[in-house]
Amino acid sequence: MTEFGASLRYEFGMQIRKRSVWIVPALTLVLFVLIGGSLLRDLFDPREAPPEAKTAVLGLALQIHALLAIGFGCLLADRMIRDDRLRVAPILDATPARPGARLLGKYLGASAATAIPVLLVYFGFATAYAVHTSRPGALGWALAATAVVIVPGLLFVAAFALVVPLTMPAPLFRVLFVGYWLWGNIVIPDMMPTLARSLIHPLGGYPLTGLFGFHGIDGEETWAGPLPGAALNFLRPEPTATTAWLSIGVLLVLAALALAGGHALRTYRTR
């Protein structure tokens, strides 16, 4: 087995067994049910006509991603520094395994394990909607939303959650990450400078708008593009299919740069 494969398998197995990986999404799910009540009523109220399948599962993707990604990032904040804390980093560095391959395996293995509860929640609701409305096509839209909205956003979050705690205590990173998530994704850009609705938007505003034409359950919301008078509008081109793929590419490139920076920092410290 390659260094990458061994690291991925080990990190996945270690992370998936952590109780917090399951407890945190479960508690967040309770919060989602409480604050997402209007969305759930729209989807499952037998007295109302449910929205079309695409609109329903994209609305679910947006809300579940927005909430559960917070716990996802916080859970990954100790994965890189754990080897140092347990004093096994020097032993691993002394093995023939390439540090870059180990880092990539750690990144993908831990990220995949931590993402499983998030995806189970999402596909659980999507399946419930598909059964409730007899619209099995909803699961196809859910797969598409996962591929171009949820996965790129989680990969972006995971890279920084692994690397940034190398430069600060993990608890401090978690506090700052929650603040960033609210500022960079929830705050309306014309209220204060923010990365919301920009190409650097891990909630997937550009794919939702440019690829799916999604404008919220009521059809009146926009998650990408410029706002008159808002700061950083140069990061908010008009949402199209091209800018949607560009946004996905930007998130993945930034994730790769973060990992490269983390690898360089670890290499420098071990010299």
Foldseek 3Di string as FASTA:
>chain_A
DALLVVLLVVLLVVQLPDPLLQVVLVVLVVVCCVVVVVLVCLLQVPVDDHFDLLQNLLQLLLSLLLRLLLSLLLSLLCQQVVCVVVVCVVVVVPDPHDPLSNLNSNLNNNLVSSCVNSLCVSVVVQVVSCVSVVPVCSVVSNVVCCVQQRVLLSLLSSLCSNQVCVVPPSVVVSVVSVVLSCQADPDDQQVDHHVWQFLQHNRQQLCCCAVVVHAHSVNPHHGHADDPPGPPNVRGHPRHVVSSVVSSVVSVVNSVVSSVVSSVVVVVVVD
